[in-house]
Amino acid sequence: MELKLRHDFKGLVNSFERAPEVTKKMVHIQLKMAVRDIRERASEHHHYISRSGMLEREGVISQVADNKGIVELNPAVPYAAYVHEGTKPHLIIPKRCNVLRFVANGDYVFSKRVKHPGTQKDQFLYNAAEHQLPEIQSRFEHALEELLKRV
């Protein structure tokens, strides 16, 4: 995702030359709010069925460093990428024991292998970024206008 400002970049450069620390602080604050909004939207608006709540709580992480904001899937939640990008049909074979056990129709079922049909992708992170972009852009432009008035 790329943020495109419709504002005069000459003014931004001038404000940075006149008050570099104030300009850096404004950009940093706007980036922090942007990544927070995208992270929260991604956690709250998705189409997958939540079972443990871990993906909503810990599945999306964000950080701001210098003039870059990053929102990404948390590698500590290993299945997040499979939910986000989906999976193709695949065979599930037990690794540590001889059979798989799962519940179907309220009963335990045992099987040596299962043909998983795959999962639909739910790109909740991209959707959240796309949804939040107009608001982030508007807020950033407003902050820039206020900064230009002050310096």
Protein backbone atom coordinates (compact mmCIF):
# COMPACT_ATOMS: atom_id res chain seq x y z
CA MET A 1 0.00 0.00 0.00
CA GLU A 2 1.28 3.42 -0.86
CA LEU A 3 0.16 6.71 0.63
CA LYS A 4 -0.08 9.45 -1.99
CA LEU A 5 -0.43 13.00 -0.81
CA ARG A 6 -2.26 15.49 -2.95
CA HIS A 7 -0.57 18.31 -1.09
CA ASP A 8 2.25 20.56 -2.23
CA PHE A 9 5.50 18.68 -1.61
CA LYS A 10 7.39 21.94 -1.81
CA GLY A 11 5.59 23.00 1.36
CA LEU A 12 6.53 19.75 3.06
CA VAL A 13 10.16 20.23 2.11
CA ASN A 14 10.05 23.83 3.36
CA SER A 15 8.53 22.77 6.68
CA PHE A 16 11.14 20.07 7.03
CA GLU A 17 13.92 22.57 6.35
CA ARG A 18 12.48 25.09 8.84
CA ALA A 19 11.43 22.66 11.56
CA PRO A 20 12.84 19.17 10.92
CA GLU A 21 12.07 17.76 14.37
CA VAL A 22 8.46 18.96 14.34
CA THR A 23 7.96 17.57 10.83
CA LYS A 24 9.51 14.19 11.77
CA LYS A 25 7.31 14.03 14.85
CA MET A 26 4.17 14.76 12.80
CA VAL A 27 5.04 12.04 10.28
CA HIS A 28 5.85 9.57 13.07
CA ILE A 29 2.54 10.25 14.85
CA GLN A 30 0.57 9.86 11.62
CA LEU A 31 2.33 6.58 10.82
CA LYS A 32 1.63 5.23 14.32
CA MET A 33 -2.06 6.03 13.95
CA ALA A 34 -2.15 4.53 10.45
CA VAL A 35 -0.63 1.18 11.43
CA ARG A 36 -2.82 1.06 14.55
CA ASP A 37 -5.97 1.62 12.48
CA ILE A 38 -5.02 -1.02 9.90
CA ARG A 39 -4.08 -3.55 12.61
CA GLU A 40 -7.35 -3.00 14.49
CA ARG A 41 -9.47 -3.16 11.33
CA ALA A 42 -7.77 -6.40 10.25
CA SER A 43 -8.39 -7.99 13.65
CA GLU A 44 -12.03 -6.93 13.82
CA HIS A 45 -13.19 -7.40 10.21
CA HIS A 46 -12.50 -10.78 8.67
CA HIS A 47 -14.41 -13.69 7.14
CA TYR A 48 -12.65 -16.67 8.74
CA ILE A 49 -14.22 -18.64 11.58
CA SER A 50 -12.40 -17.86 14.81
CA ARG A 51 -11.89 -20.82 17.10
CA SER A 52 -9.38 -19.72 19.74
CA GLY A 53 -9.28 -15.95 19.14
CA MET A 54 -5.49 -16.08 18.83
CA LEU A 55 -5.46 -14.82 15.24
CA GLU A 56 -7.55 -11.77 16.19
CA ARG A 57 -5.48 -11.03 19.31
CA GLU A 58 -1.95 -11.79 18.09
CA GLY A 59 -2.14 -12.50 14.36
CA VAL A 60 -1.30 -9.00 13.12
CA ILE A 61 1.66 -6.98 14.33
CA SER A 62 2.78 -3.48 13.48
CA GLN A 63 5.76 -1.22 13.96
CA VAL A 64 6.95 2.23 12.98
CA ALA A 65 10.61 2.85 12.29
CA ASP A 66 11.90 6.16 10.94
CA ASN A 67 9.47 7.08 8.16
CA LYS A 68 8.11 3.59 7.50
CA GLY A 69 5.07 1.92 9.00
CA ILE A 70 4.80 -1.87 8.79
CA VAL A 71 1.72 -4.00 9.39
CA GLU A 72 2.23 -7.73 8.89
CA LEU A 73 1.12 -11.20 9.89
CA ASN A 74 2.74 -12.36 13.10
CA PRO A 75 5.19 -15.23 12.50
CA ALA A 76 4.41 -16.43 16.06
CA VAL A 77 0.95 -17.42 14.75
CA PRO A 78 2.06 -19.97 12.14
CA TYR A 79 -1.37 -20.59 10.61
CA ALA A 80 -2.02 -16.88 9.96
CA ALA A 81 -0.47 -17.04 6.49
CA TYR A 82 -2.61 -20.09 5.58
CA VAL A 83 -5.79 -18.28 6.64
CA HIS A 84 -4.76 -15.10 4.83
CA GLU A 85 -3.57 -16.71 1.58
CA GLY A 86 -5.71 -19.88 1.63
CA THR A 87 -4.55 -23.42 0.87
CA LYS A 88 -4.93 -25.82 -2.03
CA PRO A 89 -6.49 -29.25 -1.48
CA HIS A 90 -3.93 -31.45 0.27
CA LEU A 91 -3.44 -34.76 2.04
CA ILE A 92 -3.01 -34.80 5.82
CA ILE A 93 -0.96 -37.70 7.16
CA PRO A 94 -0.06 -38.16 10.85
CA LYS A 95 3.56 -37.45 11.74
CA ARG A 96 3.99 -38.76 15.31
CA CYS A 97 1.35 -41.48 15.50
CA ASN A 98 -0.41 -43.98 13.27
CA VAL A 99 -3.84 -42.35 13.01
CA LEU A 100 -5.55 -38.97 12.99
CA ARG A 101 -8.42 -38.30 15.38
CA PHE A 102 -11.02 -35.58 14.88
CA VAL A 103 -14.66 -34.91 15.68
CA ALA A 104 -17.34 -35.20 12.99
CA ASN A 105 -21.07 -35.05 13.75
CA GLY A 106 -20.36 -35.23 17.48
CA ASP A 107 -18.37 -38.49 17.25
CA TYR A 108 -14.66 -39.18 17.21
CA VAL A 109 -13.40 -40.33 13.84
CA PHE A 110 -10.08 -42.11 13.31
CA SER A 111 -8.31 -42.18 9.97
CA LYS A 112 -4.85 -42.95 8.59
CA ARG A 113 -5.11 -39.94 6.25
CA VAL A 114 -7.52 -37.19 5.30
CA LYS A 115 -8.02 -35.40 2.00
CA HIS A 116 -8.40 -31.77 3.07
CA PRO A 117 -10.41 -29.74 0.53
CA GLY A 118 -8.28 -26.61 1.05
CA THR A 119 -9.35 -23.26 2.46
CA GLN A 120 -10.60 -20.05 0.86
CA LYS A 121 -8.22 -17.13 1.29
CA ASP A 122 -9.32 -14.29 3.54
CA GLN A 123 -6.99 -11.39 2.86
CA PHE A 124 -8.17 -9.43 5.88
CA LEU A 125 -4.89 -7.52 6.14
CA TYR A 126 -5.00 -6.19 2.56
CA ASN A 127 -8.72 -5.46 2.91
CA ALA A 128 -8.11 -3.48 6.11
CA ALA A 129 -5.34 -1.43 4.51
CA GLU A 130 -7.48 -0.68 1.48
CA HIS A 131 -10.45 0.29 3.64
CA GLN A 132 -8.42 2.57 5.93
CA LEU A 133 -6.38 4.26 3.18
CA PRO A 134 -8.77 7.18 2.44
CA GLU A 135 -9.07 8.05 6.14
CA ILE A 136 -5.31 7.76 6.71
CA GLN A 137 -4.61 9.90 3.66
CA SER A 138 -7.10 12.56 4.74
CA ARG A 139 -5.75 12.66 8.30
CA PHE A 140 -2.16 12.88 7.06
CA GLU A 141 -3.00 15.75 4.68
CA HIS A 142 -4.84 17.62 7.45
CA ALA A 143 -1.86 17.22 9.80
CA LEU A 144 0.45 18.48 7.07
CA GLU A 145 -1.75 21.53 6.48
CA GLU A 146 -1.73 22.30 10.21
CA LEU A 147 2.04 21.92 10.31
CA LEU A 148 2.47 24.30 7.37
CA LYS A 149 0.34 26.90 9.17
CA ARG A 150 2.52 26.68 12.29
CA VAL A 151 5.97 26.83 10.69
